[in-house]
């Protein structure tokens, strides 16, 4: 596995654990629709949450959340719409970002709720 894939997997594992610690119910990980992927799908009480996880080893080129571009948001929205249709879900939903920055011996997690809107 490529190094950036290992970092991404480690970040998604940390993000999933982080959400579970906040009493979210994680129901899907790495859910795919065509070539689009949603990293984590979870419930925060009755709200369906689509989570994009961004992991970086430093902030030299910017904070991790800054890499969720408008194009990426569009892909996530399209995939989320498909998921909602498949599940026949009719409740409230939102898009969150979990930004993780890894240091040499630690990491920092930032959870951005309602990070963008469809």
N, C-alpha and C. Protein backbone atom coordinates (compact mmCIF):
# COMPACT_ATOMS: atom_id res chain seq x y z
N UNK A 1 0.85 -1.18 0.00
CA UNK A 1 0.00 0.00 0.00
C UNK A 1 0.89 1.24 0.00
N UNK A 2 0.55 2.20 -0.85
CA UNK A 2 1.33 3.44 -0.93
C UNK A 2 1.26 4.19 0.40
N UNK A 3 2.29 4.96 0.67
CA UNK A 3 2.39 5.68 1.95
C UNK A 3 1.21 6.62 2.17
N UNK A 4 0.78 7.34 1.12
CA UNK A 4 -0.36 8.25 1.30
C UNK A 4 -1.65 7.48 1.57
N UNK A 5 -1.77 6.26 1.03
CA UNK A 5 -2.95 5.43 1.32
C UNK A 5 -2.93 4.96 2.77
N UNK A 6 -1.74 4.63 3.27
CA UNK A 6 -1.62 4.22 4.68
C UNK A 6 -2.02 5.37 5.60
N UNK A 7 -1.57 6.58 5.26
CA UNK A 7 -1.91 7.75 6.05
C UNK A 7 -3.42 7.99 6.02
N UNK A 8 -4.02 7.86 4.84
CA UNK A 8 -5.45 8.05 4.71
C UNK A 8 -6.24 7.03 5.51
N UNK A 9 -5.82 5.77 5.47
CA UNK A 9 -6.49 4.70 6.23
C UNK A 9 -6.36 4.96 7.72
N UNK A 10 -5.16 5.34 8.15
CA UNK A 10 -4.94 5.65 9.57
C UNK A 10 -5.83 6.82 10.00
N UNK A 11 -5.94 7.83 9.15
CA UNK A 11 -6.79 8.97 9.45
C UNK A 11 -8.27 8.58 9.54
N UNK A 12 -8.72 7.74 8.63
CA UNK A 12 -10.12 7.29 8.66
C UNK A 12 -10.40 6.45 9.90
N UNK A 13 -9.44 5.63 10.30
CA UNK A 13 -9.62 4.84 11.53
C UNK A 13 -9.74 5.76 12.75
N UNK A 14 -8.85 6.77 12.82
CA UNK A 14 -8.91 7.73 13.94
C UNK A 14 -10.22 8.52 13.92
N UNK A 15 -10.64 8.94 12.73
CA UNK A 15 -11.87 9.71 12.61
C UNK A 15 -13.08 8.88 13.04
N UNK A 16 -13.11 7.62 12.64
CA UNK A 16 -14.21 6.73 13.02
C UNK A 16 -14.26 6.56 14.54
N UNK A 17 -13.11 6.32 15.15
CA UNK A 17 -13.05 6.19 16.61
C UNK A 17 -13.46 7.49 17.30
N UNK A 18 -13.02 8.61 16.74
CA UNK A 18 -13.36 9.92 17.28
C UNK A 18 -14.87 10.12 17.28
N UNK A 19 -15.52 9.79 16.16
CA UNK A 19 -16.97 9.94 16.07
C UNK A 19 -17.70 9.01 17.03
N UNK A 20 -17.22 7.79 17.14
CA UNK A 20 -17.85 6.84 18.07
C UNK A 20 -17.74 7.36 19.50
N UNK A 21 -16.60 7.96 19.83
CA UNK A 21 -16.40 8.54 21.16
C UNK A 21 -17.38 9.69 21.43
N UNK A 22 -17.80 10.37 20.35
CA UNK A 22 -18.78 11.45 20.46
C UNK A 22 -20.21 10.92 20.35
N UNK A 23 -20.37 9.60 20.46
CA UNK A 23 -21.67 8.93 20.41
C UNK A 23 -22.35 8.96 19.05
N UNK A 24 -21.59 9.08 17.98
CA UNK A 24 -22.13 8.91 16.64
C UNK A 24 -22.22 7.40 16.39
N UNK A 25 -23.16 7.01 15.55
CA UNK A 25 -23.26 5.62 15.11
C UNK A 25 -22.70 5.54 13.70
N UNK A 26 -21.52 4.97 13.56
CA UNK A 26 -20.90 4.82 12.25
C UNK A 26 -21.56 3.63 11.55
N UNK A 27 -22.15 3.89 10.38
CA UNK A 27 -22.87 2.83 9.68
C UNK A 27 -22.19 2.38 8.39
N UNK A 28 -21.34 3.21 7.82
CA UNK A 28 -20.60 2.85 6.60
C UNK A 28 -19.22 3.48 6.65
N UNK A 29 -18.27 2.75 6.04
CA UNK A 29 -16.93 3.31 5.84
C UNK A 29 -16.52 3.03 4.40
N UNK A 30 -15.92 4.01 3.76
CA UNK A 30 -15.45 3.89 2.37
C UNK A 30 -16.58 3.42 1.45
N UNK A 31 -17.71 4.09 1.53
CA UNK A 31 -18.86 3.75 0.70
C UNK A 31 -18.67 4.33 -0.69
N UNK A 32 -18.87 3.49 -1.72
CA UNK A 32 -18.61 3.90 -3.11
C UNK A 32 -19.88 3.99 -3.94
N UNK A 33 -19.90 4.98 -4.79
CA UNK A 33 -20.91 5.11 -5.84
C UNK A 33 -20.14 5.52 -7.09
N UNK A 34 -20.11 4.62 -8.06
CA UNK A 34 -19.30 4.81 -9.26
C UNK A 34 -17.86 5.09 -8.83
N UNK A 35 -17.28 6.20 -9.25
CA UNK A 35 -15.89 6.52 -8.87
C UNK A 35 -15.81 7.46 -7.68
N UNK A 36 -16.95 7.68 -7.02
CA UNK A 36 -17.00 8.59 -5.88
C UNK A 36 -17.01 7.79 -4.58
N UNK A 37 -16.38 8.34 -3.56
CA UNK A 37 -16.32 7.65 -2.26
C UNK A 37 -16.68 8.61 -1.14
N UNK A 38 -17.46 8.09 -0.20
CA UNK A 38 -17.72 8.81 1.05
C UNK A 38 -16.94 8.06 2.13
N UNK A 39 -16.07 8.77 2.83
CA UNK A 39 -15.19 8.13 3.81
C UNK A 39 -15.98 7.48 4.95
N UNK A 40 -16.89 8.24 5.55
CA UNK A 40 -17.66 7.74 6.69
C UNK A 40 -19.10 8.25 6.56
N UNK A 41 -20.04 7.35 6.82
CA UNK A 41 -21.44 7.72 6.93
C UNK A 41 -21.87 7.32 8.33
N UNK A 42 -22.47 8.27 9.04
CA UNK A 42 -22.81 8.02 10.45
C UNK A 42 -24.10 8.75 10.80
N UNK A 43 -24.64 8.38 11.94
CA UNK A 43 -25.77 9.11 12.49
C UNK A 43 -25.30 9.87 13.72
N UNK A 44 -25.69 11.15 13.78
CA UNK A 44 -25.54 11.98 14.98
C UNK A 44 -26.97 12.17 15.46
N UNK A 45 -27.38 11.33 16.40
CA UNK A 45 -28.79 11.22 16.79
C UNK A 45 -29.58 10.82 15.55
N UNK A 46 -30.51 11.66 15.08
CA UNK A 46 -31.32 11.33 13.90
C UNK A 46 -30.79 11.93 12.62
N UNK A 47 -29.68 12.65 12.68
CA UNK A 47 -29.12 13.32 11.51
C UNK A 47 -28.12 12.39 10.83
N UNK A 48 -28.33 12.19 9.52
CA UNK A 48 -27.41 11.39 8.72
C UNK A 48 -26.23 12.28 8.32
N UNK A 49 -25.03 11.85 8.66
CA UNK A 49 -23.84 12.68 8.47
C UNK A 49 -22.89 12.00 7.48
N UNK A 50 -22.52 12.75 6.44
CA UNK A 50 -21.54 12.30 5.46
C UNK A 50 -20.23 13.00 5.80
N UNK A 51 -19.20 12.20 6.07
CA UNK A 51 -17.96 12.75 6.59
C UNK A 51 -16.82 12.53 5.60
N UNK A 52 -16.15 13.61 5.26
CA UNK A 52 -14.93 13.55 4.46
C UNK A 52 -13.76 13.70 5.42
N UNK A 53 -12.82 12.76 5.36
CA UNK A 53 -11.65 12.78 6.23
C UNK A 53 -10.44 13.22 5.40
N UNK A 54 -9.74 14.22 5.89
CA UNK A 54 -8.51 14.68 5.24
C UNK A 54 -7.37 14.60 6.24
N UNK A 55 -6.33 13.88 5.85
CA UNK A 55 -5.16 13.69 6.72
C UNK A 55 -3.92 14.26 6.05
N UNK A 56 -3.11 14.91 6.83
CA UNK A 56 -1.85 15.47 6.34
C UNK A 56 -0.77 15.28 7.41
N UNK A 57 0.48 15.29 6.97
CA UNK A 57 1.59 15.17 7.91
C UNK A 57 2.05 16.54 8.41
N UNK A 58 1.64 17.60 7.72
CA UNK A 58 1.93 18.96 8.18
C UNK A 58 0.99 19.93 7.49
N UNK A 59 1.06 21.19 7.88
CA UNK A 59 0.21 22.23 7.29
C UNK A 59 0.97 23.14 6.33
N UNK A 60 2.11 22.68 5.85
CA UNK A 60 2.95 23.51 4.99
C UNK A 60 2.19 24.04 3.78
N UNK A 61 1.40 23.17 3.14
CA UNK A 61 0.65 23.56 1.94
C UNK A 61 -0.77 23.99 2.27
N UNK A 62 -1.13 24.05 3.53
CA UNK A 62 -2.47 24.44 3.95
C UNK A 62 -3.06 23.43 4.91
N UNK A 63 -4.13 23.81 5.55
CA UNK A 63 -4.80 22.92 6.48
C UNK A 63 -5.52 21.81 5.71
N UNK A 64 -5.64 20.63 6.31
CA UNK A 64 -6.26 19.51 5.59
C UNK A 64 -7.63 19.83 5.00
N UNK A 65 -8.47 20.53 5.74
CA UNK A 65 -9.83 20.81 5.27
C UNK A 65 -9.86 21.67 4.01
N UNK A 66 -8.78 22.42 3.77
CA UNK A 66 -8.71 23.27 2.57
C UNK A 66 -8.62 22.43 1.29
N UNK A 67 -8.34 21.15 1.42
CA UNK A 67 -8.22 20.28 0.26
C UNK A 67 -9.55 19.63 -0.14
N UNK A 68 -10.62 20.00 0.55
CA UNK A 68 -11.95 19.57 0.14
C UNK A 68 -12.46 20.66 -0.80
N UNK A 69 -12.09 20.52 -2.05
CA UNK A 69 -12.39 21.53 -3.07
C UNK A 69 -13.86 21.52 -3.45
N UNK A 70 -14.27 22.52 -4.20
CA UNK A 70 -15.65 22.57 -4.72
C UNK A 70 -15.94 21.33 -5.57
N UNK A 71 -14.98 20.89 -6.33
CA UNK A 71 -15.16 19.69 -7.15
C UNK A 71 -15.38 18.46 -6.27
N UNK A 72 -14.58 18.33 -5.22
CA UNK A 72 -14.73 17.22 -4.28
C UNK A 72 -16.09 17.31 -3.58
N UNK A 73 -16.50 18.50 -3.20
CA UNK A 73 -17.81 18.68 -2.57
C UNK A 73 -18.92 18.21 -3.51
N UNK A 74 -18.80 18.55 -4.78
CA UNK A 74 -19.80 18.14 -5.77
C UNK A 74 -19.88 16.61 -5.84
N UNK A 75 -18.74 15.94 -5.87
CA UNK A 75 -18.71 14.47 -5.89
C UNK A 75 -19.37 13.90 -4.65
N UNK A 76 -19.05 14.48 -3.48
CA UNK A 76 -19.63 13.99 -2.23
C UNK A 76 -21.14 14.18 -2.21
N UNK A 77 -21.60 15.31 -2.70
CA UNK A 77 -23.04 15.58 -2.75
C UNK A 77 -23.73 14.57 -3.66
N UNK A 78 -23.15 14.30 -4.83
CA UNK A 78 -23.74 13.33 -5.76
C UNK A 78 -23.81 11.93 -5.13
N UNK A 79 -22.74 11.53 -4.47
CA UNK A 79 -22.72 10.21 -3.82
C UNK A 79 -23.73 10.16 -2.67
N UNK A 80 -23.81 11.24 -1.90
CA UNK A 80 -24.75 11.29 -0.78
C UNK A 80 -26.19 11.19 -1.28
N UNK A 81 -26.49 11.88 -2.37
CA UNK A 81 -27.83 11.80 -2.94
C UNK A 81 -28.16 10.37 -3.33
N UNK A 82 -27.21 9.67 -3.93
CA UNK A 82 -27.42 8.28 -4.30
C UNK A 82 -27.66 7.42 -3.06
N UNK A 83 -26.86 7.63 -2.03
CA UNK A 83 -27.02 6.86 -0.79
C UNK A 83 -28.41 7.10 -0.19
N UNK A 84 -28.82 8.36 -0.13
CA UNK A 84 -30.13 8.71 0.43
C UNK A 84 -31.24 8.04 -0.37
N UNK A 85 -31.12 8.06 -1.70
CA UNK A 85 -32.12 7.42 -2.55
C UNK A 85 -32.15 5.91 -2.34
N UNK A 86 -30.99 5.28 -2.28
CA UNK A 86 -30.92 3.83 -2.09
C UNK A 86 -31.53 3.42 -0.75
N UNK A 87 -31.27 4.21 0.28
CA UNK A 87 -31.75 3.89 1.62
C UNK A 87 -33.17 4.39 1.89
N UNK A 88 -33.69 5.17 0.92
CA UNK A 88 -35.02 5.79 1.09
C UNK A 88 -35.09 6.60 2.39
N UNK A 89 -33.99 7.31 2.65
CA UNK A 89 -33.90 8.13 3.86
C UNK A 89 -34.58 9.47 3.61
N UNK A 90 -35.40 9.91 4.55
CA UNK A 90 -36.13 11.16 4.35
C UNK A 90 -35.88 12.18 5.46
N UNK A 91 -34.90 11.93 6.29
CA UNK A 91 -34.63 12.85 7.39
C UNK A 91 -33.60 13.90 7.04
N UNK A 92 -33.09 14.54 8.06
CA UNK A 92 -32.08 15.59 7.92
C UNK A 92 -30.70 14.97 7.69
N UNK A 93 -29.89 15.65 6.88
CA UNK A 93 -28.51 15.20 6.66
C UNK A 93 -27.59 16.40 6.60
N UNK A 94 -26.31 16.13 6.72
CA UNK A 94 -25.31 17.21 6.65
C UNK A 94 -23.97 16.64 6.20
N UNK A 95 -23.06 17.56 5.87
CA UNK A 95 -21.71 17.19 5.45
C UNK A 95 -20.71 17.76 6.45
N UNK A 96 -19.89 16.88 7.00
CA UNK A 96 -18.84 17.27 7.94
C UNK A 96 -17.48 16.96 7.33
N UNK A 97 -16.48 17.62 7.85
CA UNK A 97 -15.09 17.31 7.51
C UNK A 97 -14.36 17.03 8.82
N UNK A 98 -13.56 15.98 8.81
CA UNK A 98 -12.63 15.74 9.91
C UNK A 98 -11.23 15.91 9.34
N UNK A 99 -10.53 16.90 9.88
CA UNK A 99 -9.17 17.22 9.44
C UNK A 99 -8.19 16.70 10.48
N UNK A 100 -7.24 15.90 10.02
CA UNK A 100 -6.26 15.32 10.93
C UNK A 100 -4.86 15.71 10.47
N UNK A 101 -4.10 16.25 11.39
CA UNK A 101 -2.71 16.59 11.13
C UNK A 101 -1.84 15.74 12.05
N UNK A 102 -0.96 14.95 11.43
CA UNK A 102 -0.08 14.08 12.19
C UNK A 102 1.24 14.77 12.47
N UNK A 103 1.66 14.70 13.74
CA UNK A 103 2.98 15.17 14.13
C UNK A 103 3.90 13.96 14.23
N UNK A 104 5.08 14.16 14.75
CA UNK A 104 6.02 13.04 14.88
C UNK A 104 5.51 11.99 15.85
N UNK A 105 4.93 12.43 16.96
CA UNK A 105 4.49 11.49 17.99
C UNK A 105 3.02 11.64 18.38
N UNK A 106 2.30 12.49 17.68
CA UNK A 106 0.91 12.72 18.06
C UNK A 106 0.10 13.13 16.83
N UNK A 107 -1.12 13.54 17.06
CA UNK A 107 -1.97 14.02 15.98
C UNK A 107 -2.99 15.01 16.54
N UNK A 108 -3.52 15.83 15.64
CA UNK A 108 -4.54 16.81 16.00
C UNK A 108 -5.76 16.53 15.13
N UNK A 109 -6.94 16.45 15.76
CA UNK A 109 -8.17 16.21 15.03
C UNK A 109 -9.06 17.45 15.17
N UNK A 110 -9.57 17.92 14.04
CA UNK A 110 -10.54 19.01 14.04
C UNK A 110 -11.79 18.52 13.32
N UNK A 111 -12.93 18.62 13.98
CA UNK A 111 -14.21 18.19 13.43
C UNK A 111 -15.00 19.44 13.04
N UNK A 112 -15.27 19.56 11.76
CA UNK A 112 -16.00 20.73 11.24
C UNK A 112 -17.40 20.24 10.84
N UNK A 113 -18.39 20.55 11.68
CA UNK A 113 -19.77 20.18 11.37
C UNK A 113 -20.35 21.18 10.39
N UNK A 114 -21.26 20.67 9.52
CA UNK A 114 -21.87 21.53 8.49
C UNK A 114 -20.80 22.26 7.70
N UNK A 115 -19.80 21.53 7.25
CA UNK A 115 -18.65 22.12 6.58
C UNK A 115 -19.02 22.76 5.24
N UNK A 116 -20.01 22.18 4.55
CA UNK A 116 -20.51 22.75 3.30
C UNK A 116 -21.94 22.26 3.10
N UNK A 117 -22.59 22.89 2.14
CA UNK A 117 -24.00 22.59 1.90
C UNK A 117 -24.22 22.25 0.42
N UNK A 118 -25.22 21.39 0.15
CA UNK A 118 -25.50 21.05 -1.25
C UNK A 118 -26.08 22.24 -2.01
